[in-house]
Amino acid sequence: MSAASLPTVHFIGAGPGDPELITLRAKRLIETAPVVLYAGSLVPREVVAMARVDARVIDTAALTLDEIIAEMEVAHAAGQDVARVHSGDPSIYGAIAEQMRRLDQLGIPYDVTPGVPAFAAAAAALKTELTLPEVSQTIILTRTEGEASPMPEGEALAELGRSRATLAIHLSIRNIHKVVEALTPHYGADCPAVVVYRVGWPDQHVIRATLGDIKAKVKETRITRTALILVGRVLGAGDFSDSRLYHADHRHILRPKRKVAGGKA
């Protein structure tokens, strides 16, 4: 059997929640795989509803890593591909690294299909650009420290905040008070802050505020999970410079200098 025909575990980014925000490749893999494993706490059932009628579809929300790998081993032994469906893009807080390490040890082939990350879906929902000329040209994807997830040295939110870049803070809605405390000295209490709850889901909810009042507004909604926090001046910027990309005076290989009357450019 050639390497190309070996049963494979396909790690798939299912996007933020909207079943239409997945790639064509992801759709094909979910539709054809005889075994589909999905994180039901984060991936809507509608995303895996496109699986074939005889597929074994398993919600892994209550399973341990060992149990998930065991399902993959059984499928591999039976010569079956596995569609392993994760939320958003699996490269960001996707918990796929430990699964791939186990598969490497077992000699089971796998590949990865990217998905729409939550921060990109949130920006689309807000109809905003997270990088604006002379406002912010950097986006930092991060999270706050938790009991089970200490931050590496140098990555504390207060340190990252010194950059005043646009921040996309994952897995931290329960620590909104810590976010405000760490960032206010660098961004100011009037800096725009937005919380997007379950972006791409039917019950998506957006909270627009500032660092000065975001904590109180979140408390009113009682949101405690599945929310992304965005912080940065780009979220409220209206008076910014146009990009030079389309400026009439900007020349590049696809738009060289044009000759005008008199032979001068």
Protein backbone atom coordinates (compact mmCIF):
# COMPACT_ATOMS: atom_id res chain seq x y z
CA MET A 1 0.00 0.00 0.00
CA SER A 2 1.43 3.37 -0.98
CA ALA A 3 1.83 6.18 1.52
CA ALA A 4 -0.81 8.16 -0.35
CA SER A 5 -3.40 5.40 0.08
CA LEU A 6 -2.74 4.69 3.77
CA PRO A 7 -5.66 5.45 6.12
CA THR A 8 -5.08 8.96 7.44
CA VAL A 9 -6.24 11.13 10.32
CA HIS A 10 -7.32 14.48 8.89
CA PHE A 11 -7.17 17.31 11.44
CA ILE A 12 -9.72 19.82 10.20
CA GLY A 13 -10.30 23.43 11.18
CA ALA A 14 -14.07 23.85 11.16
CA GLY A 15 -14.01 27.63 11.47
CA PRO A 16 -15.76 29.64 14.17
CA GLY A 17 -19.19 27.98 14.06
CA ASP A 18 -20.95 28.88 10.83
CA PRO A 19 -21.14 25.64 8.76
CA GLU A 20 -20.55 27.72 5.62
CA LEU A 21 -17.25 29.08 6.92
CA ILE A 22 -15.23 25.95 6.22
CA THR A 23 -12.94 25.20 3.30
CA LEU A 24 -13.94 23.05 0.35
CA ARG A 25 -11.31 20.54 1.43
CA ALA A 26 -12.74 20.38 4.95
CA LYS A 27 -16.22 19.78 3.55
CA ARG A 28 -14.99 17.00 1.28
CA LEU A 29 -13.11 15.26 4.08
CA ILE A 30 -16.06 15.40 6.48
CA GLU A 31 -18.44 14.17 3.80
CA THR A 32 -16.30 11.17 2.85
CA ALA A 33 -14.65 9.99 6.08
CA PRO A 34 -16.09 6.79 7.60
CA VAL A 35 -15.15 8.04 11.08
CA VAL A 36 -15.70 11.62 12.28
CA LEU A 37 -14.45 12.82 15.65
CA TYR A 38 -15.49 16.33 16.65
CA ALA A 39 -15.19 18.56 19.71
CA GLY A 40 -18.90 18.98 20.40
CA SER A 41 -18.44 21.67 23.03
CA LEU A 42 -16.95 24.00 20.38
CA VAL A 43 -18.03 22.63 17.01
CA PRO A 44 -21.75 22.87 16.15
CA ARG A 45 -23.46 19.60 15.27
CA GLU A 46 -24.46 21.18 11.95
CA VAL A 47 -20.81 21.14 10.84
CA VAL A 48 -20.60 17.35 11.04
CA ALA A 49 -24.18 16.79 9.87
CA MET A 50 -22.72 16.62 6.36
CA ALA A 51 -21.00 13.33 7.23
CA ARG A 52 -22.11 10.31 5.22
CA VAL A 53 -25.10 8.44 6.62
CA ASP A 54 -23.08 5.35 7.60
CA ALA A 55 -20.23 7.31 9.24
CA ARG A 56 -19.35 6.77 12.86
CA VAL A 57 -19.69 10.28 14.33
CA ILE A 58 -18.29 10.73 17.84
CA ASP A 59 -18.44 13.77 20.10
CA THR A 60 -15.08 13.85 21.89
CA ALA A 61 -16.00 16.55 24.42
CA ALA A 62 -16.17 14.03 27.26
CA LEU A 63 -13.25 11.85 26.11
CA THR A 64 -9.66 11.85 27.36
CA LEU A 65 -6.65 12.07 25.06
CA ASP A 66 -6.07 8.33 25.44
CA GLU A 67 -9.66 7.58 24.47
CA ILE A 68 -9.48 9.82 21.41
CA ILE A 69 -6.25 8.21 20.23
CA ALA A 70 -7.77 4.79 20.81
CA GLU A 71 -10.61 5.66 18.41
CA MET A 72 -8.03 6.68 15.82
CA GLU A 73 -6.11 3.44 16.31
CA VAL A 74 -9.24 1.34 15.82
CA ALA A 75 -10.11 3.22 12.63
CA HIS A 76 -6.56 2.92 11.31
CA ALA A 77 -6.50 -0.82 11.96
CA ALA A 78 -9.76 -1.12 10.00
CA GLY A 79 -8.25 0.84 7.09
CA GLN A 80 -10.49 3.86 7.68
CA ASP A 81 -9.74 7.56 7.37
CA VAL A 82 -10.67 9.80 10.30
CA ALA A 83 -11.96 13.36 10.07
CA ARG A 84 -10.82 14.96 13.34
CA VAL A 85 -12.79 18.21 13.48
CA HIS A 86 -11.63 21.10 15.66
CA SER A 87 -13.04 24.61 16.05
CA GLY A 88 -11.52 27.66 14.38
CA ASP A 89 -8.04 27.07 13.02
CA PRO A 90 -6.35 24.07 14.71
CA SER A 91 -2.99 25.85 14.90
CA ILE A 92 -4.32 28.26 17.55
CA TYR A 93 -5.15 26.69 20.92
CA GLY A 94 -6.21 23.62 18.97
CA ALA A 95 -4.73 20.93 21.25
CA ILE A 96 -3.65 18.98 18.19
CA ALA A 97 0.09 18.92 18.95
CA GLU A 98 -0.25 16.19 21.57
CA GLN A 99 -2.50 14.16 19.26
CA MET A 100 0.00 14.41 16.41
CA ARG A 101 2.82 13.41 18.76
CA ARG A 102 0.91 10.25 19.71
CA LEU A 103 0.19 9.47 16.06
CA ASP A 104 3.88 9.90 15.24
CA GLN A 105 4.68 7.35 17.93
CA LEU A 106 2.09 4.95 16.52
CA GLY A 107 3.14 5.47 12.90
CA ILE A 108 -0.32 6.67 11.85
CA PRO A 109 -0.31 9.22 8.99
CA TYR A 110 -2.09 12.55 9.44
CA ASP A 111 -2.48 15.91 7.78
CA VAL A 112 -3.93 19.29 8.70
CA THR A 113 -6.56 21.42 6.95
CA PRO A 114 -6.63 25.04 8.16
CA GLY A 115 -9.81 26.82 9.18
CA VAL A 116 -11.07 30.36 9.73
CA PRO A 117 -9.65 31.53 13.10
CA ALA A 118 -11.92 33.18 15.65
CA PHE A 119 -10.12 36.53 15.51
CA ALA A 120 -10.65 36.77 11.74
CA ALA A 121 -14.31 35.79 12.02
CA ALA A 122 -14.79 38.33 14.81
CA ALA A 123 -13.24 41.11 12.72
CA ALA A 124 -15.58 40.19 9.86
CA ALA A 125 -18.59 40.28 12.18
CA LEU A 126 -17.49 43.70 13.43
CA LYS A 127 -16.83 44.91 9.86
CA THR A 128 -13.45 46.18 10.92
CA GLU A 129 -9.81 45.89 9.92
CA LEU A 130 -7.46 44.94 12.73
CA THR A 131 -4.51 46.74 11.13
CA LEU A 132 -4.78 50.37 10.09
CA PRO A 133 -2.07 52.72 8.78
CA GLU A 134 -0.43 54.72 11.57
CA VAL A 135 -2.76 53.14 14.18
CA SER A 136 -1.68 49.51 14.49
CA GLN A 137 0.28 47.21 12.21
CA THR A 138 0.57 44.32 14.62
CA ILE A 139 -1.92 41.78 15.97
CA ILE A 140 -0.99 39.73 19.01
CA LEU A 141 -2.89 36.49 19.61
CA THR A 142 -2.65 35.52 23.26
CA ARG A 143 -4.51 34.43 26.38
CA THR A 144 -4.38 35.01 30.12
CA GLU A 145 -2.82 32.64 32.57
CA GLY A 146 -4.96 29.92 34.15
CA GLU A 147 -4.37 27.30 36.82
CA ALA A 148 -3.79 24.62 34.17
CA SER A 149 -2.04 26.89 31.68
CA PRO A 150 0.76 29.08 33.06
CA MET A 151 2.20 31.61 30.62
CA PRO A 152 5.84 31.31 29.53
CA GLU A 153 8.24 33.93 30.80
CA GLY A 154 7.89 37.22 28.97
CA GLU A 155 4.35 36.55 27.72
CA ALA A 156 2.33 38.04 30.56
CA LEU A 157 -0.45 40.28 29.26
CA ALA A 158 0.98 43.35 30.99
CA GLU A 159 4.26 42.85 29.10
CA LEU A 160 2.59 42.28 25.74
CA GLY A 161 0.47 45.35 26.33
CA ARG A 162 3.53 47.58 26.24
CA SER A 163 3.44 47.27 22.45
CA ARG A 164 -0.04 48.83 22.25
CA ALA A 165 -0.69 46.48 19.35
CA THR A 166 -4.14 45.13 18.55
CA LEU A 167 -4.78 42.25 20.96
CA ALA A 168 -6.94 39.18 20.32
CA ILE A 169 -7.25 37.53 23.71
CA HIS A 170 -8.56 33.97 23.71
CA LEU A 171 -9.85 31.74 26.52
CA SER A 172 -9.90 34.62 28.97
CA ILE A 173 -13.43 35.91 29.43
CA ARG A 174 -13.48 34.68 33.04
CA ASN A 175 -10.35 36.77 33.59
CA ILE A 176 -11.76 39.98 32.13
CA HIS A 177 -10.84 41.78 35.36
CA LYS A 178 -7.22 40.73 34.89
CA VAL A 179 -7.31 41.89 31.26
CA VAL A 180 -8.52 45.34 32.30
CA GLU A 181 -5.99 45.60 35.11
CA ALA A 182 -3.05 44.57 32.91
CA LEU A 183 -3.87 46.69 29.86
CA THR A 184 -5.35 49.94 31.18
CA PRO A 185 -1.93 51.42 32.12
CA HIS A 186 -0.74 50.95 28.52
CA TYR A 187 -3.87 51.56 26.43
CA GLY A 188 -5.87 53.90 28.65
CA ALA A 189 -9.35 53.41 30.09
CA ASP A 190 -10.90 54.96 26.97
CA CYS A 191 -9.35 52.36 24.63
CA PRO A 192 -12.00 50.37 22.72
CA ALA A 193 -12.54 46.80 23.87
CA VAL A 194 -14.93 44.32 22.27
CA VAL A 195 -16.11 40.90 23.36
CA VAL A 196 -17.50 38.58 20.69
CA TYR A 197 -19.39 35.62 22.11
CA ARG A 198 -19.77 32.43 20.01
CA VAL A 199 -18.81 34.14 16.78
CA GLY A 200 -20.45 32.46 13.79
CA TRP A 201 -23.10 30.70 15.88
CA PRO A 202 -26.83 31.58 15.70
CA ASP A 203 -26.63 33.13 19.18
CA GLN A 204 -23.57 35.27 18.44
CA HIS A 205 -23.44 38.31 20.70
CA VAL A 206 -21.19 41.39 20.56
CA ILE A 207 -20.34 43.66 23.49
CA ARG A 208 -18.77 46.98 22.48
CA ALA A 209 -17.15 48.95 25.27
CA THR A 210 -13.89 50.44 26.51
CA LEU A 211 -11.35 49.10 28.98
CA GLY A 212 -13.06 51.35 31.49
CA ASP A 213 -16.46 49.65 31.33
CA ILE A 214 -16.00 46.28 29.58
CA LYS A 215 -15.81 44.38 32.87
CA ALA A 216 -19.20 45.65 34.05
CA LYS A 217 -20.83 45.00 30.67
CA VAL A 218 -19.55 41.42 30.56
CA LYS A 219 -20.78 40.82 34.09
CA GLU A 220 -24.28 41.94 33.05
CA THR A 221 -24.43 39.31 30.31
CA ARG A 222 -23.03 36.49 32.50
CA ILE A 223 -20.88 35.25 29.62
CA THR A 224 -18.26 32.86 31.02
CA ARG A 225 -16.91 30.94 28.02
CA THR A 226 -16.57 30.73 24.23
CA ALA A 227 -15.80 34.42 23.84
CA LEU A 228 -12.96 36.39 22.28
CA ILE A 229 -11.72 39.71 23.67
CA LEU A 230 -10.35 42.31 21.24
CA VAL A 231 -8.51 45.38 22.49
CA GLY A 232 -6.95 48.19 20.49
CA ARG A 233 -7.36 51.66 19.03
CA VAL A 234 -8.22 50.21 15.61
CA LEU A 235 -11.60 49.18 17.00
CA GLY A 236 -12.70 52.77 17.30
CA ALA A 237 -10.57 54.50 14.71
CA GLY A 238 -12.33 56.65 12.13
CA ASP A 239 -9.70 59.27 11.43
CA PHE A 240 -6.89 57.22 9.90
CA SER A 241 -4.73 57.59 6.81
CA ASP A 242 -5.63 55.75 3.62
CA SER A 243 -3.36 52.85 2.76
CA ARG A 244 -0.63 53.81 0.28
CA LEU A 245 -1.39 50.65 -1.70
CA TYR A 246 -4.03 52.29 -3.89
CA HIS A 247 -2.79 55.86 -3.71
CA ALA A 248 -2.36 57.47 -7.13
CA ASP A 249 1.26 58.40 -6.37
CA HIS A 250 2.25 54.89 -5.24
CA ARG A 251 4.08 52.94 -7.93
CA HIS A 252 4.83 49.23 -8.00
CA ILE A 253 5.51 46.51 -10.57
CA LEU A 254 1.84 46.21 -11.53
CA ARG A 255 1.29 49.97 -11.65
CA PRO A 256 4.45 51.63 -13.00
CA LYS A 257 4.85 55.31 -13.69
CA ARG A 258 2.48 56.53 -16.34
CA LYS A 259 3.48 58.96 -19.03
CA VAL A 260 1.50 62.14 -19.20
CA ALA A 261 1.25 64.90 -21.77
CA GLY A 262 4.62 66.43 -22.48
CA GLY A 263 6.43 63.12 -21.89
CA LYS A 264 6.89 63.55 -18.17
CA ALA A 265 5.64 61.16 -15.53
